[in-house]
C-alpha atoms as a PDB file:
ATOM      1  CA  MET A   1      -9.446 -24.422   8.087  1.00  0.00           C
ATOM      2  CA  ALA A   2     -10.351 -20.474   8.277  1.00  0.00           C
ATOM      3  CA  GLY A   3     -11.083 -20.577  12.002  1.00  0.00           C
ATOM      4  CA  SER A   4      -7.999 -22.492  13.065  1.00  0.00           C
ATOM      5  CA  LEU A   5      -5.912 -20.187  10.672  1.00  0.00           C
ATOM      6  CA  PHE A   6      -6.519 -17.077  12.865  1.00  0.00           C
ATOM      7  CA  TYR A   7      -6.538 -18.943  16.003  1.00  0.00           C
ATOM      8  CA  ASN A   8      -3.284 -20.267  15.337  1.00  0.00           C
ATOM      9  CA  LEU A   9      -1.788 -17.213  13.693  1.00  0.00           C
ATOM     10  CA  GLY A  10      -2.801 -15.250  16.926  1.00  0.00           C
ATOM     11  CA  ARG A  11      -1.220 -18.148  19.100  1.00  0.00           C
ATOM     12  CA  LYS A  12       1.990 -18.055  16.938  1.00  0.00           C
ATOM     13  CA  VAL A  13       2.188 -14.216  16.732  1.00  0.00           C
ATOM     14  CA  GLY A  14       1.947 -13.809  20.612  1.00  0.00           C
ATOM     15  CA  PRO A  15       2.625 -10.240  22.295  1.00  0.00           C
ATOM     16  CA  LYS A  16       5.656  -9.572  20.151  1.00  0.00           C
ATOM     17  CA  VAL A  17       4.654 -10.092  16.444  1.00  0.00           C
ATOM     18  CA  ARG A  18       6.864 -11.888  14.192  1.00  0.00           C
ATOM     19  CA  LYS A  19       7.177 -11.068  10.588  1.00  0.00           C
ATOM     20  CA  ALA A  20       3.737 -11.425   8.969  1.00  0.00           C
ATOM     21  CA  ARG A  21       4.979 -13.128   5.778  1.00  0.00           C
ATOM     22  CA  TRP A  22       7.081 -15.922   7.920  1.00  0.00           C
ATOM     23  CA  VAL A  23       4.181 -16.320  10.125  1.00  0.00           C
ATOM     24  CA  TRP A  24       1.546 -16.744   7.366  1.00  0.00           C
ATOM     25  CA  THR A  25       3.846 -19.046   5.352  1.00  0.00           C
ATOM     26  CA  SER A  26       4.443 -21.454   8.453  1.00  0.00           C
ATOM     27  CA  VAL A  27       0.812 -21.412   9.029  1.00  0.00           C
ATOM     28  CA  THR A  28      -0.200 -22.279   5.349  1.00  0.00           C
ATOM     29  CA  GLY A  29       2.472 -24.258   4.058  1.00  0.00           C
ATOM     30  CA  THR A  30       2.709 -22.796   0.309  1.00  0.00           C
ATOM     31  CA  GLU A  31       3.217 -19.450  -1.113  1.00  0.00           C
ATOM     32  CA  ALA A  32       0.051 -19.709  -3.187  1.00  0.00           C
ATOM     33  CA  GLU A  33      -2.222 -20.380  -0.162  1.00  0.00           C
ATOM     34  CA  THR A  34      -0.390 -17.514   1.691  1.00  0.00           C
ATOM     35  CA  ILE A  35      -1.428 -15.274  -1.033  1.00  0.00           C
ATOM     36  CA  ARG A  36      -4.752 -16.338  -1.406  1.00  0.00           C
ATOM     37  CA  LEU A  37      -5.507 -16.008   2.136  1.00  0.00           C
ATOM     38  CA  GLU A  38      -3.943 -12.410   2.141  1.00  0.00           C
ATOM     39  CA  ARG A  39      -6.323 -11.542  -0.518  1.00  0.00           C
ATOM     40  CA  GLY A  40      -9.215 -12.669   1.434  1.00  0.00           C
ATOM     41  CA  VAL A  41      -8.095 -10.403   4.344  1.00  0.00           C
ATOM     42  CA  GLY A  42      -7.505  -7.556   2.097  1.00  0.00           C
ATOM     43  CA  ALA A  43     -11.015  -8.017   0.274  1.00  0.00           C
ATOM     44  CA  ASP A  44     -12.578  -7.891   3.763  1.00  0.00           C
ATOM     45  CA  LEU A  45     -10.884  -4.601   4.657  1.00  0.00           C
ATOM     46  CA  ALA A  46     -11.393  -3.125   1.030  1.00  0.00           C
ATOM     47  CA  GLU A  47     -15.270  -3.840   1.552  1.00  0.00           C
ATOM     48  CA  GLU A  48     -15.317  -1.693   4.601  1.00  0.00           C
ATOM     49  CA  ALA A  49     -13.039   0.923   3.274  1.00  0.00           C
ATOM     50  CA  ARG A  50     -15.330   1.493   0.448  1.00  0.00           C
ATOM     51  CA  LEU A  51     -18.099   2.347   2.861  1.00  0.00           C
ATOM     52  CA  GLN A  52     -16.183   5.006   4.505  1.00  0.00           C
ATOM     53  CA  LEU A  53     -14.786   6.422   1.447  1.00  0.00           C
ATOM     54  CA  GLU A  54     -16.285   8.498  -1.364  1.00  0.00           C
ATOM     55  CA  PRO A  55     -15.682   6.931  -4.726  1.00  0.00           C
ATOM     56  CA  ASP A  56     -14.325   9.176  -7.531  1.00  0.00           C
ATOM     57  CA  THR A  57     -16.387   8.460 -10.439  1.00  0.00           C
ATOM     58  CA  ASP A  58     -14.316  10.696 -12.914  1.00  0.00           C
ATOM     59  CA  PRO A  59     -13.530   8.409 -15.747  1.00  0.00           C
ATOM     60  CA  ARG A  60     -10.151  10.287 -16.045  1.00  0.00           C
ATOM     61  CA  ALA A  61      -9.158   9.004 -12.722  1.00  0.00           C
ATOM     62  CA  ARG A  62     -10.434   5.552 -13.442  1.00  0.00           C
ATOM     63  CA  ARG A  63      -8.633   5.272 -16.761  1.00  0.00           C
ATOM     64  CA  ILE A  64      -5.297   6.562 -15.552  1.00  0.00           C
ATOM     65  CA  LEU A  65      -5.362   3.999 -12.530  1.00  0.00           C
ATOM     66  CA  ASP A  66      -6.483   1.134 -14.723  1.00  0.00           C
ATOM     67  CA  GLU A  67      -3.769   1.712 -17.416  1.00  0.00           C
ATOM     68  CA  THR A  68      -0.930   2.673 -15.255  1.00  0.00           C
ATOM     69  CA  GLY A  69      -1.600  -0.053 -12.850  1.00  0.00           C
ATOM     70  CA  HIS A  70      -2.189  -2.676 -15.486  1.00  0.00           C
ATOM     71  CA  ARG A  71       1.241  -1.890 -16.873  1.00  0.00           C
ATOM     72  CA  LEU A  72       2.959  -2.053 -13.585  1.00  0.00           C
ATOM     73  CA  ALA A  73       1.127  -5.217 -12.489  1.00  0.00           C
ATOM     74  CA  GLY A  74       2.541  -6.884 -15.715  1.00  0.00           C
ATOM     75  CA  ARG A  75       6.130  -6.331 -14.510  1.00  0.00           C
ATOM     76  CA  VAL A  76       5.638  -7.905 -11.215  1.00  0.00           C
ATOM     77  CA  ALA A  77       7.472 -11.047 -11.184  1.00  0.00           C
ATOM     78  CA  ASN A  78       5.405 -13.159  -8.918  1.00  0.00           C
ATOM     79  CA  LYS A  79       2.354 -13.821 -11.293  1.00  0.00           C
ATOM     80  CA  LEU A  80       0.468 -15.019  -8.173  1.00  0.00           C
ATOM     81  CA  ARG A  81       0.121 -11.157  -7.107  1.00  0.00           C
ATOM     82  CA  THR A  82      -2.920  -9.440  -8.427  1.00  0.00           C
ATOM     83  CA  PHE A  83      -3.795  -5.849  -8.003  1.00  0.00           C
ATOM     84  CA  ARG A  84      -7.023  -3.681  -8.069  1.00  0.00           C
ATOM     85  CA  PHE A  85      -6.782   0.095  -8.196  1.00  0.00           C
ATOM     86  CA  GLU A  86      -9.679   2.207  -6.880  1.00  0.00           C
ATOM     87  CA  PRO A  87      -9.722   6.147  -6.909  1.00  0.00           C
ATOM     88  CA  PHE A  88     -11.617   7.937  -4.144  1.00  0.00           C
ATOM     89  CA  LEU A  89     -12.354  11.555  -3.108  1.00  0.00           C
ATOM     90  CA  ALA A  90     -10.781  13.177  -0.227  1.00  0.00           C
ATOM     91  CA  GLY A  91      -9.819  16.541   1.122  1.00  0.00           C
ATOM     92  CA  GLU A  92      -6.082  15.831   1.081  1.00  0.00           C
ATOM     93  CA  PRO A  93      -3.622  13.499  -0.512  1.00  0.00           C
ATOM     94  CA  ASN A  94      -3.746  10.003   0.427  1.00  0.00           C
ATOM     95  CA  ALA A  95      -3.102   6.558  -0.793  1.00  0.00           C
ATOM     96  CA  PHE A  96      -2.898   3.121   0.877  1.00  0.00           C
ATOM     97  CA  ALA A  97      -2.273  -0.532   0.182  1.00  0.00           C
ATOM     98  CA  LEU A  98      -4.462  -3.402   1.644  1.00  0.00           C
ATOM     99  CA  PRO A  99      -3.065  -6.941   1.778  1.00  0.00           C
ATOM    100  CA  GLY A 100      -3.919  -8.849  -1.402  1.00  0.00           C
ATOM    101  CA  GLY A 101      -3.328  -6.019  -3.607  1.00  0.00           C
ATOM    102  CA  TYR A 102      -6.121  -3.481  -3.159  1.00  0.00           C
ATOM    103  CA  ILE A 103      -4.589  -0.109  -3.704  1.00  0.00           C
ATOM    104  CA  PHE A 104      -6.832   3.005  -3.037  1.00  0.00           C
ATOM    105  CA  VAL A 105      -5.610   6.481  -4.354  1.00  0.00           C
ATOM    106  CA  SER A 106      -7.088   9.945  -3.751  1.00  0.00           C
ATOM    107  CA  ARG A 107      -7.914  12.461  -6.174  1.00  0.00           C
ATOM    108  CA  PRO A 108      -5.536  14.933  -4.507  1.00  0.00           C
ATOM    109  CA  ILE A 109      -2.528  12.866  -4.983  1.00  0.00           C
ATOM    110  CA  MET A 110      -3.447  12.552  -8.849  1.00  0.00           C
ATOM    111  CA  GLU A 111      -3.541  16.204  -8.883  1.00  0.00           C
ATOM    112  CA  LEU A 112      -0.099  16.665  -7.189  1.00  0.00           C
ATOM    113  CA  CYS A 113       1.231  14.390  -9.856  1.00  0.00           C
ATOM    114  CA  ARG A 114      -0.458  16.651 -12.316  1.00  0.00           C
ATOM    115  CA  TRP A 115      -2.035  13.594 -13.943  1.00  0.00           C
ATOM    116  CA  ASP A 116       1.457  12.635 -15.183  1.00  0.00           C
ATOM    117  CA  GLU A 117       1.478   8.776 -15.888  1.00  0.00           C
ATOM    118  CA  GLY A 118       4.968   8.426 -14.741  1.00  0.00           C
ATOM    119  CA  GLU A 119       4.569  10.208 -11.457  1.00  0.00           C
ATOM    120  CA  VAL A 120       1.393   8.357 -10.818  1.00  0.00           C
ATOM    121  CA  ALA A 121       3.259   5.067 -11.594  1.00  0.00           C
ATOM    122  CA  PHE A 122       5.632   5.775  -8.994  1.00  0.00           C
ATOM    123  CA  VAL A 123       2.786   6.467  -6.319  1.00  0.00           C
ATOM    124  CA  LEU A 124       1.116   3.236  -7.323  1.00  0.00           C
ATOM    125  CA  GLY A 125       4.345   1.259  -7.520  1.00  0.00           C
ATOM    126  CA  HIS A 126       5.167   2.329  -3.980  1.00  0.00           C
ATOM    127  CA  GLU A 127       1.768   1.095  -2.545  1.00  0.00           C
ATOM    128  CA  MET A 128       2.286  -2.146  -4.560  1.00  0.00           C
ATOM    129  CA  SER A 129       5.605  -2.642  -3.072  1.00  0.00           C
ATOM    130  CA  HIS A 130       4.274  -2.526   0.264  1.00  0.00           C
ATOM    131  CA  VAL A 131       2.063  -5.558  -0.888  1.00  0.00           C
ATOM    132  CA  ILE A 132       4.744  -7.470  -2.542  1.00  0.00           C
ATOM    133  CA  LYS A 133       7.354  -6.995   0.317  1.00  0.00           C
ATOM    134  CA  GLY A 134       4.789  -8.130   2.975  1.00  0.00           C
ATOM    135  CA  HIS A 135       4.535  -4.731   4.626  1.00  0.00           C
ATOM    136  CA  ALA A 136       0.791  -4.299   4.313  1.00  0.00           C
ATOM    137  CA  ILE A 137       0.022  -7.632   6.041  1.00  0.00           C
ATOM    138  CA  GLU A 138       2.527  -7.127   8.462  1.00  0.00           C
ATOM    139  CA  ARG A 139       0.946  -3.897   9.535  1.00  0.00           C
ATOM    140  CA  ILE A 140      -2.452  -5.434   9.895  1.00  0.00           C
ATOM    141  CA  VAL A 141      -1.154  -8.325  12.051  1.00  0.00           C
ATOM    142  CA  MET A 142       0.955  -6.105  14.250  1.00  0.00           C
ATOM    143  CA  ASN A 143      -2.100  -4.230  15.106  1.00  0.00           C
ATOM    144  CA  SER A 144      -3.326  -7.354  16.902  1.00  0.00           C
ATOM    145  CA  ALA A 145      -6.863  -7.482  15.147  1.00  0.00           C
ATOM    146  CA  ILE A 146      -6.017 -10.893  13.806  1.00  0.00           C
ATOM    147  CA  SER A 147      -4.198 -12.042  16.801  1.00  0.00           C
ATOM    148  CA  THR A 148      -7.136 -11.539  19.111  1.00  0.00           C
ATOM    149  CA  ALA A 149      -9.495 -13.543  16.811  1.00  0.00           C
ATOM    150  CA  SER A 150     -11.321 -16.299  18.377  1.00  0.00           C
ATOM    151  CA  ARG A 151     -10.749 -19.909  17.476  1.00  0.00           C
ATOM    152  CA  ALA A 152     -14.369 -19.966  15.628  1.00  0.00           C
ATOM    153  CA  ALA A 153     -13.711 -16.685  13.810  1.00  0.00           C
ATOM    154  CA  PRO A 154     -14.102 -17.136   9.957  1.00  0.00           C
ATOM    155  CA  ALA A 155     -11.567 -15.697   7.658  1.00  0.00           C
ATOM    156  CA  ARG A 156     -14.116 -13.296   6.069  1.00  0.00           C
ATOM    157  CA  GLY A 157     -15.809 -10.930   8.295  1.00  0.00           C
ATOM    158  CA  VAL A 158     -13.086 -10.617  11.184  1.00  0.00           C
ATOM    159  CA  LEU A 159     -11.414  -7.449  10.001  1.00  0.00           C
ATOM    160  CA  GLY A 160     -14.220  -5.322   8.417  1.00  0.00           C
ATOM    161  CA  PRO A 161     -15.668  -4.727  11.951  1.00  0.00           C
ATOM    162  CA  TRP A 162     -12.282  -3.808  13.243  1.00  0.00           C
ATOM    163  CA  LEU A 163     -11.417  -1.197  10.339  1.00  0.00           C
ATOM    164  CA  LYS A 164     -14.980   0.055  10.998  1.00  0.00           C
ATOM    165  CA  ARG A 165     -14.098   0.690  14.684  1.00  0.00           C
ATOM    166  CA  VAL A 166     -10.513   2.206  13.945  1.00  0.00           C
ATOM    167  CA  GLY A 167     -11.288   3.889  10.881  1.00  0.00           C
ATOM    168  CA  VAL A 168      -9.278   4.178   7.503  1.00  0.00           C
ATOM    169  CA  GLN A 169      -7.305   6.709   8.971  1.00  0.00           C
ATOM    170  CA  PHE A 170      -5.265   3.752  10.603  1.00  0.00           C
ATOM    171  CA  LEU A 171      -4.234   3.070   7.007  1.00  0.00           C
ATOM    172  CA  GLU A 172      -2.535   6.436   6.832  1.00  0.00           C
ATOM    173  CA  THR A 173      -0.139   5.452   9.789  1.00  0.00           C
ATOM    174  CA  ALA A 174       3.481   5.139   8.869  1.00  0.00           C
ATOM    175  CA  TYR A 175       5.500   2.010   7.846  1.00  0.00           C
ATOM    176  CA  SER A 176       8.952   2.120   9.389  1.00  0.00           C
ATOM    177  CA  ARG A 177      11.623   4.387   7.649  1.00  0.00           C
ATOM    178  CA  ASP A 178      13.210   1.261   6.059  1.00  0.00           C
ATOM    179  CA  HIS A 179       9.915  -0.064   4.715  1.00  0.00           C
ATOM    180  CA  GLU A 180       9.269   3.111   3.012  1.00  0.00           C
ATOM    181  CA  LEU A 181      12.569   3.337   1.599  1.00  0.00           C
ATOM    182  CA  GLU A 182      12.477  -0.016   0.423  1.00  0.00           C
ATOM    183  CA  ALA A 183       9.194   0.598  -1.328  1.00  0.00           C
ATOM    184  CA  ASP A 184      10.561   3.389  -3.048  1.00  0.00           C
ATOM    185  CA  ARG A 185      13.353   1.420  -4.346  1.00  0.00           C
ATOM    186  CA  LEU A 186      11.064  -1.248  -5.734  1.00  0.00           C
ATOM    187  CA  ALA A 187       8.581   1.254  -6.976  1.00  0.00           C
ATOM    188  CA  VAL A 188      11.506   2.723  -9.204  1.00  0.00           C
ATOM    189  CA  ARG A 189      12.242  -0.680 -10.682  1.00  0.00           C
ATOM    190  CA  LEU A 190       8.670  -1.309 -11.352  1.00  0.00           C
ATOM    191  CA  THR A 191       8.078   1.939 -13.146  1.00  0.00           C
ATOM    192  CA  ALA A 192      11.256   1.762 -15.404  1.00  0.00           C
ATOM    193  CA  ALA A 193      10.342  -2.049 -16.010  1.00  0.00           C
ATOM    194  CA  ALA A 194       6.885  -0.858 -17.183  1.00  0.00           C
ATOM    195  CA  GLY A 195       8.311   1.689 -19.664  1.00  0.00           C
ATOM    196  CA  TYR A 196       8.061   4.892 -17.544  1.00  0.00           C
ATOM    197  CA  ASP A 197      10.936   7.199 -16.628  1.00  0.00           C
ATOM    198  CA  PRO A 198      12.327   6.069 -13.254  1.00  0.00           C
ATOM    199  CA  ARG A 199      13.344   9.841 -12.545  1.00  0.00           C
ATOM    200  CA  SER A 200       9.652  10.805 -12.423  1.00  0.00           C
ATOM    201  CA  SER A 201       9.919   9.734  -8.993  1.00  0.00           C
ATOM    202  CA  VAL A 202      12.632  12.242  -8.181  1.00  0.00           C
ATOM    203  CA  LYS A 203      10.624  15.079 -10.125  1.00  0.00           C
ATOM    204  CA  LEU A 204       7.462  14.560  -8.017  1.00  0.00           C
ATOM    205  CA  LEU A 205       9.380  14.321  -4.738  1.00  0.00           C
ATOM    206  CA  ALA A 206      11.507  17.390  -5.499  1.00  0.00           C
ATOM    207  CA  ARG A 207       8.348  19.443  -6.504  1.00  0.00           C
ATOM    208  CA  LEU A 208       6.589  18.265  -3.317  1.00  0.00           C
ATOM    209  CA  ALA A 209       9.636  19.312  -1.260  1.00  0.00           C
ATOM    210  CA  GLU A 210       9.413  22.814  -2.885  1.00  0.00           C
ATOM    211  CA  LEU A 211       5.598  23.153  -2.169  1.00  0.00           C
ATOM    212  CA  LYS A 212       6.236  22.285   1.542  1.00  0.00           C
ATOM    213  CA  ALA A 213       9.261  24.624   1.954  1.00  0.00           C
ATOM    214  CA  ALA A 214       7.127  27.531   0.240  1.00  0.00           C
ATOM    215  CA  PRO A 215       6.352  30.824   2.428  1.00  0.00           C
ATOM    216  CA  ASP A 216       2.787  29.875   2.024  1.00  0.00           C
ATOM    217  CA  PRO A 217       3.389  25.962   2.248  1.00  0.00           C
ATOM    218  CA  LEU A 218       0.648  23.601   0.782  1.00  0.00           C
ATOM    219  CA  ASN A 219      -0.927  21.309   3.200  1.00  0.00           C
ATOM    220  CA  LEU A 220       0.299  17.891   2.087  1.00  0.00           C
ATOM    221  CA  GLY A 221      -1.546  16.091   4.662  1.00  0.00           C
ATOM    222  CA  GLU A 222      -1.055  12.837   6.737  1.00  0.00           C
ATOM    223  CA  TYR A 223       0.191  10.855   3.952  1.00  0.00           C
ATOM    224  CA  PHE A 224       3.342  12.643   3.172  1.00  0.00           C
ATOM    225  CA  SER A 225       4.139  13.792   6.868  1.00  0.00           C
ATOM    226  CA  THR A 226       4.293  10.053   7.995  1.00  0.00           C
ATOM    227  CA  HIS A 227       6.984   9.281   5.403  1.00  0.00           C
ATOM    228  CA  PRO A 228      10.566   9.894   5.390  1.00  0.00           C
ATOM    229  CA  THR A 229      11.710  13.489   4.442  1.00  0.00           C
ATOM    230  CA  PHE A 230      11.499  14.371   0.799  1.00  0.00           C
ATOM    231  CA  ASP A 231      15.231  14.944   0.880  1.00  0.00           C
ATOM    232  CA  LEU A 232      15.939  11.541   2.332  1.00  0.00           C
ATOM    233  CA  ARG A 233      13.802   9.769  -0.163  1.00  0.00           C
ATOM    234  CA  ILE A 234      15.516  11.587  -3.139  1.00  0.00           C
ATOM    235  CA  ARG A 235      18.934  10.860  -2.079  1.00  0.00           C
ATOM    236  CA  SER A 236      17.975   7.037  -1.472  1.00  0.00           C
ATOM    237  CA  ILE A 237      16.334   6.928  -4.992  1.00  0.00           C
ATOM    238  CA  CYS A 238      19.341   8.622  -6.598  1.00  0.00           C
ATOM    239  CA  ARG A 239      21.823   6.383  -5.131  1.00  0.00           C
ATOM    240  CA  PHE A 240      19.764   3.460  -6.154  1.00  0.00           C
ATOM    241  CA  LEU A 241      19.625   4.628  -9.784  1.00  0.00           C
ATOM    242  CA  LYS A 242      23.268   5.216  -9.901  1.00  0.00           C
ATOM    243  CA  LYS A 243      23.734   1.410  -9.036  1.00  0.00           C
ATOM    244  CA  ARG A 244      21.206   0.177 -11.787  1.00  0.00           C
END
């Protein structure tokens, strides 16, 4: 089935890619199978990502990601969804989500959050939301790595070589503005449901805006530069919080 899955997926997608969630569901037929196959794609990508990244072996980083991530994952409505959180070392802030719930977070992001669990929860919730809403798999499909797979290509092993070629930098590329703001809103809901202060999101984004506007601005790297402006994200979150 795996070979025909990727062949049919590519044939259905065509030059103008449709919504990945719709495509995958139409191919597999059930939500459980869709999520299982998504997880297989994510596992393939995660395996290659680990080869390109330096793991963060600090027990503190592992503990905060595991504990915070576990609380957030426990509040996800769809219990078919599972998540795995992995810290890595980097020169600048970065975090990304792979299909199937593999979330990678760099040490500099934890430091920007001042190791505050509420702020870390917002970052994790934002990345988790890209998985839950289908943004992560959509971005992979839209890059055409799957759509060009041959009829005989196995499900595992297709995307690892592609990620090796394009590099994990591809995973820093921006989602659409609407996807980013949607991920912010769901992240706020998740953090609140998990018992964190939802306004931690605003506190973090406001502090980052100040750091960026300072006379000697802090280099916030590619991750934040590809997101909507801090002011726009703060306004969107505040409007959402007022409606809750």
